Protein backbone atom coordinates (compact mmCIF):
# COMPACT_ATOMS: atom_id res chain seq x y z
CA MET A 1 0.00 0.00 0.00
CA TYR A 2 1.34 3.40 -0.94
CA LYS A 3 1.91 5.95 1.81
CA PRO A 4 2.08 9.76 1.81
CA GLY A 5 5.66 10.99 2.13
CA GLY A 6 5.29 14.72 2.65
CA THR A 7 6.84 17.64 0.79
CA ILE A 8 9.93 18.06 -1.34
CA LYS A 9 11.45 20.13 1.48
CA SER A 10 10.99 17.27 3.96
CA LEU A 11 12.45 14.80 1.44
CA LEU A 12 15.56 16.97 1.05
CA GLU A 13 15.96 17.19 4.81
CA LYS A 14 15.95 13.39 5.05
CA ILE A 15 18.55 13.17 2.30
CA ALA A 16 20.73 15.68 4.16
CA SER A 17 20.38 13.80 7.46
CA GLN A 18 21.07 10.45 5.71
CA ASP A 19 17.70 9.04 6.68
CA TYR A 20 17.43 8.23 2.98
CA VAL A 21 20.44 6.35 1.57
CA LEU A 22 21.32 4.44 -1.60
CA PRO A 23 21.95 0.69 -1.51
CA ALA A 24 24.97 -0.71 -3.37
CA ILE A 25 22.73 -2.20 -6.05
CA GLN A 26 21.83 1.29 -7.28
CA ARG A 27 23.60 2.74 -10.30
CA GLU A 28 25.21 6.16 -10.64
CA PHE A 29 23.38 9.43 -11.20
CA VAL A 30 22.90 9.71 -14.98
CA TRP A 31 20.57 12.66 -15.58
CA TRP A 32 21.70 15.58 -17.71
CA PRO A 33 20.94 19.20 -16.71
CA GLU A 34 18.08 19.37 -19.22
CA GLN A 35 16.34 16.45 -17.51
CA ILE A 36 16.60 18.17 -14.12
CA CYS A 37 15.13 21.36 -15.56
CA GLU A 38 12.28 19.38 -17.11
CA LEU A 39 11.54 17.72 -13.76
CA PHE A 40 11.25 21.08 -12.00
CA ASP A 41 9.00 22.46 -14.75
CA SER A 42 6.77 19.40 -14.42
CA LEU A 43 6.50 19.92 -10.67
CA MET A 44 5.56 23.57 -11.15
CA GLN A 45 2.91 22.60 -13.68
CA GLY A 46 1.43 20.05 -11.30
CA TYR A 47 2.23 16.99 -13.39
CA PRO A 48 2.40 13.60 -11.61
CA PHE A 49 5.70 13.19 -9.82
CA GLY A 50 5.65 9.40 -9.61
CA THR A 51 5.96 7.14 -6.60
CA PHE A 52 9.04 5.88 -4.79
CA LEU A 53 10.04 2.44 -3.61
CA PHE A 54 11.83 2.38 -0.26
CA TRP A 55 13.46 -0.47 1.68
CA LYS A 56 13.27 -0.13 5.45
CA ILE A 57 16.43 -1.57 6.99
CA ALA A 58 16.40 -2.46 10.67
CA GLN A 59 19.12 -0.87 12.77
CA GLU A 60 20.66 -4.22 13.66
CA ARG A 61 20.98 -5.14 9.94
CA ARG A 62 22.52 -1.89 8.67
CA THR A 63 26.13 -3.10 8.99
CA GLU A 64 25.45 -6.09 6.73
CA TYR A 65 25.16 -3.96 3.61
CA LYS A 66 26.99 -1.10 1.91
CA PHE A 67 25.23 2.23 1.46
CA TYR A 68 25.98 5.38 -0.49
CA ASP A 69 25.08 9.03 -0.12
CA PHE A 70 23.22 11.06 -2.74
CA VAL A 71 25.18 13.21 -5.16
CA GLN A 72 24.95 16.89 -4.23
CA HIS A 73 27.64 18.75 -6.19
CA TYR A 74 27.95 16.83 -9.45
CA HIS A 75 31.21 17.27 -11.42
CA GLU A 76 31.53 15.47 -14.77
CA ARG A 77 35.26 14.82 -14.26
CA ASP A 78 35.98 14.86 -10.52
CA ARG A 79 32.80 14.02 -8.61
CA PHE A 80 30.34 11.81 -10.48
CA HIS A 81 30.27 8.75 -8.19
CA CYS A 82 27.99 8.42 -5.20
CA GLU A 83 30.17 8.44 -2.09
CA LEU A 84 30.32 5.38 0.14
CA LEU A 85 28.90 5.92 3.63
CA LYS A 86 31.71 4.49 5.72
CA ASN A 87 29.85 5.12 8.97
CA PRO A 88 26.09 5.00 8.36
CA PRO A 89 23.91 6.53 11.09
CA GLU A 90 23.24 4.17 13.99
CA ARG A 91 19.51 3.99 13.44
CA GLU A 92 16.92 2.53 11.13
CA LEU A 93 17.64 3.49 7.50
CA ILE A 94 15.52 3.89 4.40
CA ALA A 95 17.26 2.67 1.21
CA VAL A 96 15.89 3.94 -2.09
CA LEU A 97 15.15 1.17 -4.60
CA ASP A 98 13.23 3.26 -7.14
CA GLY A 99 13.34 7.05 -7.45
CA GLN A 100 17.07 7.70 -7.04
CA GLN A 101 17.40 9.79 -10.21
CA ARG A 102 14.47 12.07 -9.29
CA MET A 103 15.62 12.47 -5.71
CA THR A 104 19.20 13.24 -6.78
CA ALA A 105 17.91 15.75 -9.33
CA LEU A 106 16.03 17.57 -6.56
CA ASN A 107 19.12 17.43 -4.34
CA VAL A 108 21.40 18.85 -7.03
CA GLY A 109 18.89 21.50 -8.07
CA LEU A 110 18.03 22.79 -4.58
CA ARG A 111 21.07 21.91 -2.45
CA GLY A 112 23.95 21.49 -4.88
CA SER A 113 25.46 22.30 -8.24
CA TYR A 114 26.29 20.76 -11.62
CA ALA A 115 29.62 21.13 -13.47
CA TRP A 116 30.06 19.78 -16.99
CA LYS A 117 32.81 20.28 -19.53
CA MET A 118 32.67 23.34 -21.76
CA PRO A 119 33.22 22.59 -25.48
CA GLY A 120 36.66 23.46 -26.82
CA LYS A 121 38.34 23.30 -23.41
CA ARG A 122 40.92 20.75 -22.28
CA TRP A 123 39.67 17.93 -20.08
CA SER A 124 42.60 18.48 -17.74
CA SER A 125 41.76 22.16 -17.19
CA ASP A 126 39.75 23.03 -14.08
CA ALA A 127 38.46 26.09 -15.92
CA ALA A 128 36.70 23.76 -18.36
CA PHE A 129 34.23 22.77 -15.63
CA PRO A 130 32.60 25.88 -14.16
CA SER A 131 30.19 25.22 -11.32
CA ARG A 132 26.57 25.97 -12.20
CA HIS A 133 23.50 26.29 -9.99
CA LEU A 134 19.87 25.85 -10.96
CA TYR A 135 18.03 29.11 -11.64
CA LEU A 136 14.40 29.94 -12.36
CA ASP A 137 13.40 32.86 -14.56
CA LEU A 138 10.73 34.60 -12.50
CA LEU A 139 9.35 36.21 -15.66
CA SER A 140 8.99 32.90 -17.50
CA GLU A 141 6.54 32.64 -20.36
CA ALA A 142 5.03 29.44 -21.70
CA ASP A 143 6.75 27.79 -24.66
CA LEU A 144 3.91 26.27 -26.67
CA GLU A 145 6.24 24.29 -28.91
CA SER A 146 8.12 22.48 -26.14
CA GLY A 147 5.32 22.41 -23.58
CA TYR A 148 7.48 24.13 -20.93
CA ARG A 149 5.76 26.74 -18.79
CA TYR A 150 8.65 27.68 -16.49
CA HIS A 151 12.20 28.39 -17.62
CA PHE A 152 14.77 26.60 -15.45
CA GLU A 153 18.45 26.62 -16.38
CA PHE A 154 21.84 25.79 -14.84
CA LEU A 155 23.97 28.94 -14.87
CA THR A 156 27.26 30.20 -13.52
CA GLU A 157 27.09 33.06 -11.06
CA ASN A 158 28.37 35.44 -13.71
CA GLN A 159 25.72 34.35 -16.22
CA ALA A 160 22.98 34.87 -13.65
CA LYS A 161 24.24 38.36 -12.86
CA ASN A 162 24.06 39.38 -16.51
CA PRO A 163 20.60 38.29 -17.69
CA GLN A 164 19.02 39.03 -21.04
CA PRO A 165 16.41 41.83 -21.06
CA GLY A 166 13.09 40.58 -19.73
CA THR A 167 14.71 37.88 -17.59
CA VAL A 168 15.04 37.73 -13.80
CA TRP A 169 17.10 34.79 -12.58
CA PHE A 170 16.36 33.39 -9.13
CA ARG A 171 18.78 30.81 -7.69
CA CYS A 172 16.52 27.90 -6.74
CA GLY A 173 18.54 26.91 -3.68
CA ARG A 174 17.47 30.11 -1.94
CA VAL A 175 13.96 28.69 -1.57
CA VAL A 176 15.23 26.20 1.05
CA GLU A 177 17.89 28.50 2.53
CA GLU A 178 15.97 31.74 3.22
CA GLU A 179 12.71 32.73 4.89
CA TYR A 180 9.68 33.21 2.69
CA ASP A 181 9.03 36.85 3.64
CA GLY A 182 12.63 37.80 2.95
CA LEU A 183 12.51 36.21 -0.47
CA ILE A 184 9.37 38.06 -1.45
CA ASP A 185 10.70 41.36 -0.08
CA SER A 186 13.94 40.97 -2.07
CA LEU A 187 11.96 41.40 -5.28
CA ASP A 188 11.29 45.03 -4.34
CA GLU A 189 14.97 45.73 -4.98
CA LEU A 190 14.60 44.83 -8.66
CA ASP A 191 14.37 47.61 -11.22
CA LEU A 192 11.18 46.36 -12.87
CA GLU A 193 7.78 47.65 -13.93
CA LYS A 194 4.89 46.96 -11.55
CA GLU A 195 3.44 44.28 -13.81
CA ALA A 196 6.79 42.51 -14.00
CA ILE A 197 7.16 42.67 -10.19
CA ARG A 198 3.66 41.17 -9.88
CA THR A 199 4.60 38.32 -12.25
CA ALA A 200 7.88 37.65 -10.44
CA ARG A 201 6.13 37.51 -7.04
CA ALA A 202 3.47 35.14 -8.35
CA THR A 203 6.11 32.80 -9.83
CA LEU A 204 8.20 32.84 -6.65
CA ARG A 205 5.14 32.20 -4.44
CA HIS A 206 4.17 29.25 -6.60
CA PHE A 207 7.71 27.85 -6.55
CA HIS A 208 7.92 28.21 -2.76
CA LYS A 209 4.53 26.52 -2.32
CA THR A 210 5.57 23.65 -4.61
CA ILE A 211 8.67 22.94 -2.55
CA HIS A 212 7.38 23.66 0.98
CA ASP A 213 3.63 23.09 1.09
CA LYS A 214 2.46 20.53 -1.44
CA ASP A 215 2.48 16.87 -0.36
CA LEU A 216 3.91 15.51 -3.59
CA ILE A 217 5.76 12.46 -2.26
CA THR A 218 4.14 9.01 -2.18
CA TYR A 219 5.99 5.76 -1.64
CA TYR A 220 5.77 2.02 -1.10
CA GLU A 221 7.90 0.63 1.72
CA GLU A 222 9.40 -2.88 1.66
CA GLU A 223 10.23 -4.26 5.12
CA ASN A 224 11.58 -7.71 4.18
CA GLN A 225 15.24 -7.82 5.27
CA SER A 226 16.33 -10.46 2.70
CA LEU A 227 18.71 -9.00 0.13
CA GLU A 228 17.73 -11.69 -2.38
CA HIS A 229 14.08 -10.68 -2.05
CA VAL A 230 14.89 -6.99 -2.41
CA LEU A 231 17.17 -7.62 -5.38
CA ASN A 232 14.35 -9.43 -7.13
CA ILE A 233 12.06 -6.45 -6.54
CA PHE A 234 14.74 -4.08 -7.79
CA ILE A 235 15.19 -6.00 -11.05
CA ARG A 236 11.44 -6.25 -11.59
CA MET A 237 11.00 -2.53 -10.99
CA ASN A 238 13.84 -1.50 -13.32
CA SER A 239 13.99 -4.07 -16.12
CA GLY A 240 11.14 -2.39 -17.99
CA GLY A 241 12.81 0.99 -18.28
CA THR A 242 15.25 1.61 -21.10
CA PRO A 243 17.40 4.19 -19.26
CA LEU A 244 18.66 1.43 -16.93
CA SER A 245 20.65 -0.99 -19.08
CA TYR A 246 20.54 -4.72 -18.59
CA SER A 247 24.21 -4.62 -17.66
CA ASP A 248 23.32 -2.20 -14.84
CA LEU A 249 20.95 -4.80 -13.46
CA LEU A 250 23.55 -7.55 -13.72
CA LEU A 251 26.11 -5.30 -12.05
CA SER A 252 23.62 -5.01 -9.22
CA VAL A 253 23.60 -8.80 -8.97
CA ALA A 254 27.40 -8.85 -8.75
CA VAL A 255 27.37 -6.11 -6.13
CA ALA A 256 24.91 -8.07 -4.04
CA GLN A 257 26.89 -11.33 -4.20
CA TRP A 258 30.52 -10.27 -3.70
CA GLU A 259 31.39 -10.83 -0.06
CA LYS A 260 34.83 -9.33 0.60
CA VAL A 261 35.25 -6.77 -2.19
CA ASP A 262 32.94 -3.85 -2.96
CA ALA A 263 32.10 -4.80 -6.57
CA ARG A 264 30.69 -1.41 -7.44
CA GLU A 265 33.74 0.44 -6.16
CA ALA A 266 36.13 -2.09 -7.74
CA ILE A 267 34.58 -1.86 -11.20
CA HIS A 268 34.20 1.92 -11.21
CA SER A 269 37.73 2.35 -9.88
CA LEU A 270 39.16 0.17 -12.66
CA VAL A 271 37.22 2.11 -15.31
CA ASP A 272 38.64 5.38 -13.94
CA GLU A 273 42.20 4.00 -13.86
CA MET A 274 41.97 2.66 -17.40
CA ASN A 275 40.58 5.91 -18.76
CA ASP A 276 43.40 7.85 -17.11
CA GLN A 277 46.13 6.04 -19.08
CA GLY A 278 48.05 7.74 -21.91
CA ASP A 279 46.05 10.48 -23.59
CA GLY A 280 42.87 9.18 -22.00
CA PHE A 281 40.35 6.53 -22.99
CA LYS A 282 36.58 6.16 -22.89
CA PHE A 283 36.11 2.64 -21.58
CA THR A 284 32.81 1.87 -19.86
CA LYS A 285 31.76 -0.24 -16.91
CA ASP A 286 30.00 -2.55 -19.38
CA LEU A 287 33.39 -3.29 -20.98
CA VAL A 288 34.99 -3.99 -17.60
CA LEU A 289 32.09 -6.19 -16.54
CA LYS A 290 32.42 -8.20 -19.76
CA ALA A 291 36.18 -8.39 -19.20
CA GLY A 292 35.50 -9.96 -15.81
CA LEU A 293 33.41 -12.68 -17.45
CA MET A 294 35.96 -13.27 -20.20
CA LEU A 295 39.09 -13.36 -18.07
CA SER A 296 37.46 -15.58 -15.45
CA ASP A 297 36.43 -18.10 -18.17
CA ILE A 298 32.80 -17.69 -17.21
CA GLY A 299 30.14 -18.88 -19.64
CA SER A 300 29.78 -17.35 -23.06
CA VAL A 301 30.96 -13.83 -22.12
CA GLY A 302 27.40 -12.60 -22.63
CA PHE A 303 25.32 -10.48 -20.26
CA LYS A 304 23.06 -13.35 -19.28
CA VAL A 305 21.52 -13.95 -15.87
CA GLU A 306 22.90 -17.50 -15.72
CA ASN A 307 26.45 -16.13 -16.01
CA PHE A 308 25.91 -14.09 -12.84
CA ASN A 309 25.06 -16.91 -10.45
CA LYS A 310 26.58 -17.10 -7.00
CA THR A 311 29.29 -19.60 -8.00
CA ASN A 312 30.49 -17.52 -10.94
CA MET A 313 30.45 -14.32 -8.92
CA ALA A 314 32.62 -16.00 -6.30
CA VAL A 315 35.11 -16.91 -9.04
CA LEU A 316 35.03 -13.35 -10.41
CA GLU A 317 35.63 -11.86 -6.96
CA ALA A 318 38.55 -14.23 -6.29
CA ASN A 319 40.14 -13.41 -9.66
CA TRP A 320 39.57 -9.67 -9.47
CA PRO A 321 43.11 -8.56 -8.45
CA LYS A 322 44.63 -10.40 -11.43
CA ILE A 323 41.88 -9.14 -13.74
CA HIS A 324 42.54 -5.59 -12.56
CA GLU A 325 46.26 -5.95 -13.29
CA ALA A 326 45.75 -7.54 -16.72
CA MET A 327 43.29 -4.85 -17.84
CA LEU A 328 45.63 -2.04 -16.81
CA ILE A 329 48.58 -3.65 -18.62
CA ALA A 330 46.41 -4.11 -21.70
CA VAL A 331 45.33 -0.47 -21.80
CA GLN A 332 48.91 0.68 -21.17
CA LEU A 333 49.95 -1.46 -24.12
CA LEU A 334 47.32 0.22 -26.31
CA ALA A 335 48.51 3.61 -25.12
CA SER A 336 52.08 2.69 -26.12
CA PHE A 337 50.69 1.95 -29.60
CA GLY A 338 49.41 5.54 -29.69
CA PHE A 339 45.76 4.69 -29.14
CA SER A 340 43.40 6.77 -27.03
CA GLY A 341 39.70 7.39 -26.66
CA GLN A 342 39.88 9.60 -29.75
CA ASN A 343 41.18 6.96 -32.15
CA LEU A 344 40.33 3.53 -30.69
CA ARG A 345 37.42 2.59 -32.88
CA ALA A 346 36.12 -0.37 -30.85
CA GLU A 347 36.64 -0.66 -27.11
CA SER A 348 35.91 -4.40 -27.18
CA SER A 349 39.08 -4.98 -29.19
CA ILE A 350 41.07 -4.77 -25.95
CA LEU A 351 39.41 -7.88 -24.51
CA PRO A 352 41.33 -10.62 -26.38
CA ILE A 353 44.57 -8.75 -25.64
CA ALA A 354 43.70 -8.51 -21.94
CA TYR A 355 42.81 -12.20 -21.86
CA TYR A 356 46.16 -13.06 -23.47
CA ILE A 357 48.04 -11.00 -20.86
CA TYR A 358 45.98 -12.66 -18.12
CA ALA A 359 46.46 -16.18 -19.50
CA ARG A 360 50.23 -15.88 -19.89
CA LYS A 361 50.51 -14.20 -16.46
CA ALA A 362 52.35 -11.21 -17.92
CA ASP A 363 53.34 -8.35 -15.64
CA GLU A 364 54.45 -4.78 -16.37
CA ALA A 365 57.82 -6.03 -17.66
CA TYR A 366 55.95 -7.23 -20.75
CA LEU A 367 55.42 -3.59 -21.76
CA HIS A 368 59.09 -2.73 -22.23
CA ARG A 369 61.42 -5.73 -22.20
CA ALA A 370 63.13 -6.41 -25.55
CA GLU A 371 62.44 -10.13 -25.47
CA PHE A 372 58.70 -9.39 -25.86
CA ALA A 373 59.10 -6.80 -28.64
CA SER A 374 58.10 -9.10 -31.51
CA ASP A 375 55.10 -10.38 -29.52
CA ARG A 376 53.96 -6.82 -28.82
CA GLU A 377 54.32 -5.99 -32.53
CA ASN A 378 52.20 -9.01 -33.48
CA ILE A 379 49.47 -7.76 -31.14
CA ARG A 380 49.72 -4.23 -32.55
CA LEU A 381 49.40 -5.29 -36.18
CA TRP A 382 46.57 -7.72 -35.44
CA LEU A 383 44.70 -5.03 -33.52
CA ILE A 384 45.17 -2.44 -36.26
CA ARG A 385 43.95 -4.80 -38.97
CA SER A 386 40.87 -5.61 -36.90
CA VAL A 387 39.90 -1.97 -36.43
CA LEU A 388 40.62 -1.05 -40.07
CA LYS A 389 37.84 -3.29 -41.36
CA ALA A 390 34.98 -1.03 -42.43
CA SER A 391 32.53 -3.90 -41.96
CA GLY A 392 33.24 -3.86 -38.22
CA ILE A 393 34.90 -6.85 -36.60
CA TRP A 394 33.76 -5.88 -33.11
CA GLY A 395 30.06 -5.38 -33.79
CA SER A 396 27.40 -8.04 -34.29
CA GLY A 397 28.07 -11.49 -32.89
CA LEU A 398 30.59 -10.08 -30.42
CA ASP A 399 29.93 -12.47 -27.54
CA THR A 400 30.27 -15.55 -29.77
CA LEU A 401 33.47 -14.17 -31.30
CA LEU A 402 35.04 -13.33 -27.93
CA THR A 403 34.23 -16.77 -26.56
CA ALA A 404 35.89 -18.43 -29.57
CA LEU A 405 38.95 -16.19 -29.39
CA ARG A 406 39.27 -16.91 -25.68
CA GLU A 407 39.37 -20.64 -26.38
CA LYS A 408 42.22 -20.28 -28.89
CA ILE A 409 44.23 -17.91 -26.72
CA SER A 410 43.87 -20.26 -23.75
CA LEU A 411 45.38 -23.08 -25.79
CA HIS A 412 48.31 -21.10 -27.23
CA ALA A 413 49.08 -18.29 -24.75
CA THR A 414 52.29 -19.87 -23.47
CA THR A 415 53.89 -19.80 -26.95
CA GLY A 416 53.03 -16.22 -27.90
CA PHE A 417 50.10 -14.23 -29.22
CA PRO A 418 48.38 -16.69 -31.62
CA VAL A 419 47.72 -14.41 -34.59
CA ASN A 420 47.20 -17.17 -37.18
CA GLU A 421 44.86 -19.18 -34.98
CA LEU A 422 42.79 -16.09 -34.15
CA GLU A 423 42.51 -15.04 -37.78
CA THR A 424 41.31 -18.53 -38.73
CA VAL A 425 38.60 -18.42 -36.05
CA MET A 426 37.57 -14.93 -37.16
CA ALA A 427 37.38 -15.91 -40.83
CA LEU A 428 35.13 -18.86 -40.01
CA ARG A 429 32.71 -16.39 -38.42
CA GLY A 430 32.64 -14.06 -41.40
CA LYS A 431 35.12 -11.63 -39.83
CA SER A 432 38.14 -12.19 -42.04
CA LEU A 433 41.14 -9.89 -41.73
CA THR A 434 41.88 -10.35 -45.44
CA PHE A 435 41.27 -7.14 -47.39
CA THR A 436 39.74 -6.89 -50.87
CA ASP A 437 40.97 -4.44 -53.48
CA VAL A 438 37.83 -2.37 -52.88
CA GLU A 439 38.61 -2.20 -49.17
CA ILE A 440 42.20 -1.17 -49.83
CA ASP A 441 41.06 1.62 -52.14
CA GLU A 442 38.69 2.76 -49.42
CA LEU A 443 41.58 2.84 -46.94
CA CYS A 444 43.59 5.00 -49.38
CA ASP A 445 40.85 7.62 -49.15
CA LEU A 446 40.24 7.62 -45.39
CA ALA A 447 39.18 11.03 -44.12
CA TYR A 448 40.65 13.22 -41.43
CA GLY A 449 38.61 12.52 -38.31
CA ASP A 450 37.92 8.89 -39.18
CA ALA A 451 38.95 6.83 -36.12
CA ARG A 452 40.78 4.40 -38.44
CA THR A 453 43.09 7.03 -39.94
CA PHE A 454 45.50 7.13 -37.01
CA ALA A 455 45.69 3.33 -36.89
CA LEU A 456 46.42 3.10 -40.62
CA LEU A 457 49.13 5.78 -40.58
CA SER A 458 50.78 4.16 -37.56
CA MET A 459 50.85 0.84 -39.41
CA ILE A 460 52.30 2.04 -42.73
CA PHE A 461 54.82 4.38 -41.08
CA PRO A 462 56.37 2.31 -38.26
CA GLY A 463 59.25 3.62 -36.19
CA PHE A 464 57.56 6.47 -34.34
CA ASP A 465 57.47 6.36 -30.56
CA LEU A 466 53.69 6.67 -30.51
CA SER A 467 53.57 7.02 -26.75
CA ARG A 468 54.84 10.59 -27.33
CA HIS A 469 51.37 11.98 -28.14
CA PHE A 470 51.19 11.90 -31.92
CA HIS A 471 48.21 13.29 -33.80
CA VAL A 472 46.93 13.14 -37.36
CA ASP A 473 47.84 16.36 -39.16
CA HIS A 474 47.38 17.88 -42.62
CA ILE A 475 50.48 18.22 -44.81
CA TYR A 476 48.98 21.06 -46.83
CA PRO A 477 47.04 23.05 -44.20
CA GLN A 478 43.25 23.23 -44.33
CA SER A 479 43.30 27.03 -44.29
CA ARG A 480 44.82 27.04 -47.79
CA PHE A 481 41.71 25.42 -49.28
CA THR A 482 39.06 28.01 -48.48
CA ASP A 483 37.31 29.65 -51.43
CA ALA A 484 39.16 32.88 -50.73
CA GLN A 485 42.58 31.21 -50.59
CA LEU A 486 41.97 29.14 -53.73
CA ARG A 487 40.84 32.24 -55.60
CA LYS A 488 43.94 34.07 -54.36
CA GLY A 489 46.12 31.15 -55.50
CA GLY A 490 44.76 31.36 -59.01
CA VAL A 491 43.01 27.99 -58.94
CA THR A 492 40.19 27.53 -61.46
CA GLU A 493 36.87 27.66 -59.65
CA LYS A 494 35.62 24.38 -61.13
CA LEU A 495 38.47 22.60 -59.26
CA TRP A 496 37.66 24.04 -55.84
CA ALA A 497 35.21 21.34 -54.69
CA SER A 498 37.60 18.55 -55.72
CA LEU A 499 40.58 20.12 -53.97
CA GLN A 500 38.59 20.86 -50.82
CA GLU A 501 37.48 17.24 -50.68
CA LYS A 502 40.95 15.78 -51.31
CA GLN A 503 42.77 17.95 -48.77
CA ASN A 504 40.97 16.03 -46.01
CA ARG A 505 41.95 12.58 -47.29
CA LEU A 506 44.76 10.20 -46.39
CA PRO A 507 47.29 11.33 -49.07
CA ASN A 508 47.36 14.78 -47.41
CA LEU A 509 47.68 13.43 -43.87
CA GLN A 510 50.64 12.50 -41.66
CA LEU A 511 51.48 11.78 -38.04
CA LEU A 512 53.05 14.62 -36.12
CA GLU A 513 54.04 14.82 -32.49
CA GLY A 514 51.65 16.96 -30.46
CA PRO A 515 53.93 19.94 -29.66
CA ILE A 516 55.24 20.04 -33.23
CA ASN A 517 51.69 20.02 -34.51
CA ASN A 518 51.01 23.19 -32.52
CA GLN A 519 54.12 24.88 -33.91
CA LYS A 520 53.34 23.91 -37.51
CA ARG A 521 50.11 25.86 -37.58
CA GLN A 522 49.37 27.11 -41.12
CA LYS A 523 52.75 26.99 -42.86
CA MET A 524 53.00 25.58 -46.39
CA PRO A 525 54.83 22.22 -46.20
CA HIS A 526 57.89 23.24 -48.22
CA GLU A 527 58.39 26.18 -45.82
CA TRP A 528 57.79 24.04 -42.74
CA TYR A 529 60.23 21.30 -43.65
CA ALA A 530 62.88 23.75 -44.85
CA TRP A 531 62.67 25.38 -41.41
CA THR A 532 62.62 22.20 -39.32
CA LYS A 533 65.19 20.32 -41.43
CA PRO A 534 67.56 22.86 -43.00
CA ASP A 535 69.97 20.21 -44.27
CA GLU A 536 68.68 19.38 -47.74
CA ILE A 537 69.93 15.78 -47.83
CA ALA A 538 68.45 15.00 -44.42
CA ARG A 539 65.21 16.68 -45.46
CA ARG A 540 64.94 14.62 -48.66
CA GLN A 541 65.58 11.42 -46.77
CA TYR A 542 62.97 12.25 -44.16
CA LEU A 543 60.35 13.14 -46.78
CA ALA A 544 61.12 9.98 -48.73
CA GLY A 545 60.31 8.05 -45.56
CA LEU A 546 56.89 9.71 -45.63
CA GLU A 547 56.44 8.85 -49.32
CA ILE A 548 56.74 12.52 -50.31
CA SER A 549 58.84 12.86 -53.46
CA SER A 550 58.10 16.56 -54.00
CA LEU A 551 56.28 19.44 -52.31
CA PRO A 552 54.76 21.86 -54.81
CA GLU A 553 54.95 25.42 -53.58
CA THR A 554 51.49 26.34 -54.87
CA ILE A 555 48.06 24.85 -54.20
CA GLU A 556 47.50 24.78 -57.95
CA LYS A 557 49.97 21.84 -58.14
CA PHE A 558 48.38 20.03 -55.16
CA PRO A 559 46.65 17.38 -57.37
CA ASP A 560 50.05 16.18 -58.63
CA PHE A 561 51.28 15.77 -55.06
CA TYR A 562 48.05 14.03 -54.07
CA ASP A 563 48.05 11.46 -56.88
CA GLN A 564 51.75 10.61 -56.41
CA ARG A 565 51.42 10.10 -52.68
CA ARG A 566 48.16 8.16 -52.94
CA ALA A 567 49.82 5.62 -55.25
CA ALA A 568 52.80 5.30 -52.90
CA LEU A 569 50.59 4.91 -49.84
CA LYS A 570 48.55 2.21 -51.55
CA MET A 571 51.72 0.17 -52.07
CA ARG A 572 52.61 0.63 -48.40
CA ILE A 573 49.12 -0.42 -47.29
CA VAL A 574 49.23 -3.60 -49.37
CA GLN A 575 52.67 -4.43 -48.02
CA ALA A 576 51.79 -3.62 -44.40
CA LEU A 577 48.66 -5.73 -44.49
CA GLY A 578 50.85 -8.66 -45.50
CA GLN A 579 49.26 -8.89 -48.92
CA SER A 580 50.97 -8.98 -52.30
CA GLN A 581 48.40 -9.64 -54.98
CA LEU A 582 44.72 -9.43 -55.77
CA ALA A 583 43.03 -12.74 -56.48
CA SER A 584 39.90 -12.91 -58.62
CA GLY A 585 36.62 -13.69 -56.91
CA SER A 586 32.98 -13.86 -57.95
CA GLU A 587 32.30 -10.25 -57.02
CA THR A 588 35.54 -8.81 -55.62
CA LYS A 589 39.23 -9.60 -55.67
CA ALA A 590 40.59 -10.82 -52.36
CA VAL A 591 44.05 -9.84 -51.26
CA GLU A 592 45.96 -12.97 -50.30
CA GLN A 593 48.38 -13.10 -47.42
CA ILE A 594 52.06 -13.49 -48.23
CA ALA A 595 53.12 -16.97 -47.23
C-alpha cells in the first residue's frame, strides 16, 4: 500500500540527514541538466511526480550492507560517483530502490550544483568545468512548442548576474535556505515595472509553495530484510525501463553477491584508472564487466543472468586482483601503440589482448622488455587490422566471437600471441582480416577525423614512438583550401570542390608529435620542412620516408602531389597488411596473405 511521504522540502531534509540512503545495487546518477530542468518544470505545472520504492532496513541489519550518499555537487570529471557511507547513522535506515534519479535531481537542483565540460576546453583544465546552480526565470513565459511553462536553467554566477532583457534569474537553492518573507521582499529591490514585479512575485510564491507546502511524495515501503528478495524487486522494478541498461541490473547482482570486495567500487575504480592512461580513454563499466566474465572463463561472455550466479560471482571476486592488473597492462599497451579514446574505434578490441596477458601471467615487464618486442608488434598489427575493417569486426556477434577467441588464446598463450589461430577463427565467423581491393582503395581515401586514420598511418609508417602523443595532421594546411585562398592562388573555380574534398583525405595526412603540430600551424609544407630540417639531404631522406617525393609550392599543383602520394601509400598499405596480390573472386578480388 502506498503511503504519503510529505513535501519536497521534507524529502531533502531526510537526504541531508542520511535518513534516505542508496543501496549498493543502485547505479550512478545519470541525468543531464536538461532532464533536471524538465523535472522542476513538471513539478511547477502540477504533473504527476511518480511514486518511490523504499526499503526499510532495521538498525541491527545496517552493517550487513553497503550504502551510499546522494550526489549533491555533481562534477563530470571529478565528482560523479555516489560516495560510500563508511559510517552509516546508527539507526533505522531507508534505502531507495526506485526514485534515485528524481531524488538526486532535486538534491542537485536545490542543495547542490552541476559542473560539466565546456566545449573546446581541455579535459585536464579546471576552468573547463565551471560550477553551475539551478536558476528559475521569475518572468517565465510558456513555450507552446516544447510544452514548458517555467524556464529553469543551470547557470554560472556570472551568467545569472548578466541576464538578457526581460529575464530575472532566481537561484533555486534560496527557496530552502531563506525565509519566505525575505525572499518576497527581495523582489522590491529589482528595477522592474509593476506588472513585471507582480509576475515575479506570483512565480516565486508558486515555486515556494511547490517545494514547501504541497504533499507531492508518495511511496511504497518494503520491510523484508532479505537481500535476495529486495534484489528481485529491484530487477522487476527497473527491467522495464530503457534508461537502466541490462548490464546495470547484472552489475547489481554482482554487487549483491561479492562478499569481501565492494564490486561497485572495484569496477568503477578500474574504469577510472583505465581511462586515465596515456592520452585518455573512454572505456565503460560494461566493458569492464564483460572483461570480468571473459578473463574468469565464465560462460559465453554474454550479459546473461545465468552467467551471474553465486558460484560464478565468487570466481570473479577471487580473480579480481589479477583481472585488474591484466586490464591495466592491456590499456597501457594500447597507449604505447598511440591509441586513445579519440582513435580507438572499438573498445571491445582490448578484450582478447587482456585475456592473453591474463592467461600468460604477464606483468608490467611485458610492456618494455626487448624479449617481448616481436610479440607486442604481433598484437599491434593484429589489432590495427581488426579496427581497419569497415565492416566492423567488433560489432554483431561479439559475444560468440570473444568466446571463440578466448578458447584459442587459452590453448596457445604460453607460446606467444596466436595471430594465425585467431585469424582462422575470425574468418570462419565471417570476420576475415583479409582485405579486398575495394577495401584497400577505401583505406587510401580515409578522411581526417575517421577513427581508423590514425591506426592506418601508424601501421604504414612504423618507427615512431607513438607514446609521445602523436596526432593526425594535414600536410597542406586546411586554411589554404578556403574559397578565398583558392581564388587568391589562381586555382580555377571548377576545381575548388575537388581540392577541398581531397585535402581532407589520407594522401594529405601525416602523423606529427603533439607539440610540433602546434608549432606547424598554417605553414606551407615546403616552408615548414625547410625550417625544421635545413639540411637538404636530411630533409629529402625524411620526406622519402613519408612517401613525399616533391612538395609543390602552390596549391594549384596540389593534385600532382596528391596522386603521387596516394599511389605510394597504396603500395605501403598492401605491403603492411601482409598482402601482395589481388586474387579474382565472384564479385571482388581478395588480397591474399604473403606466405
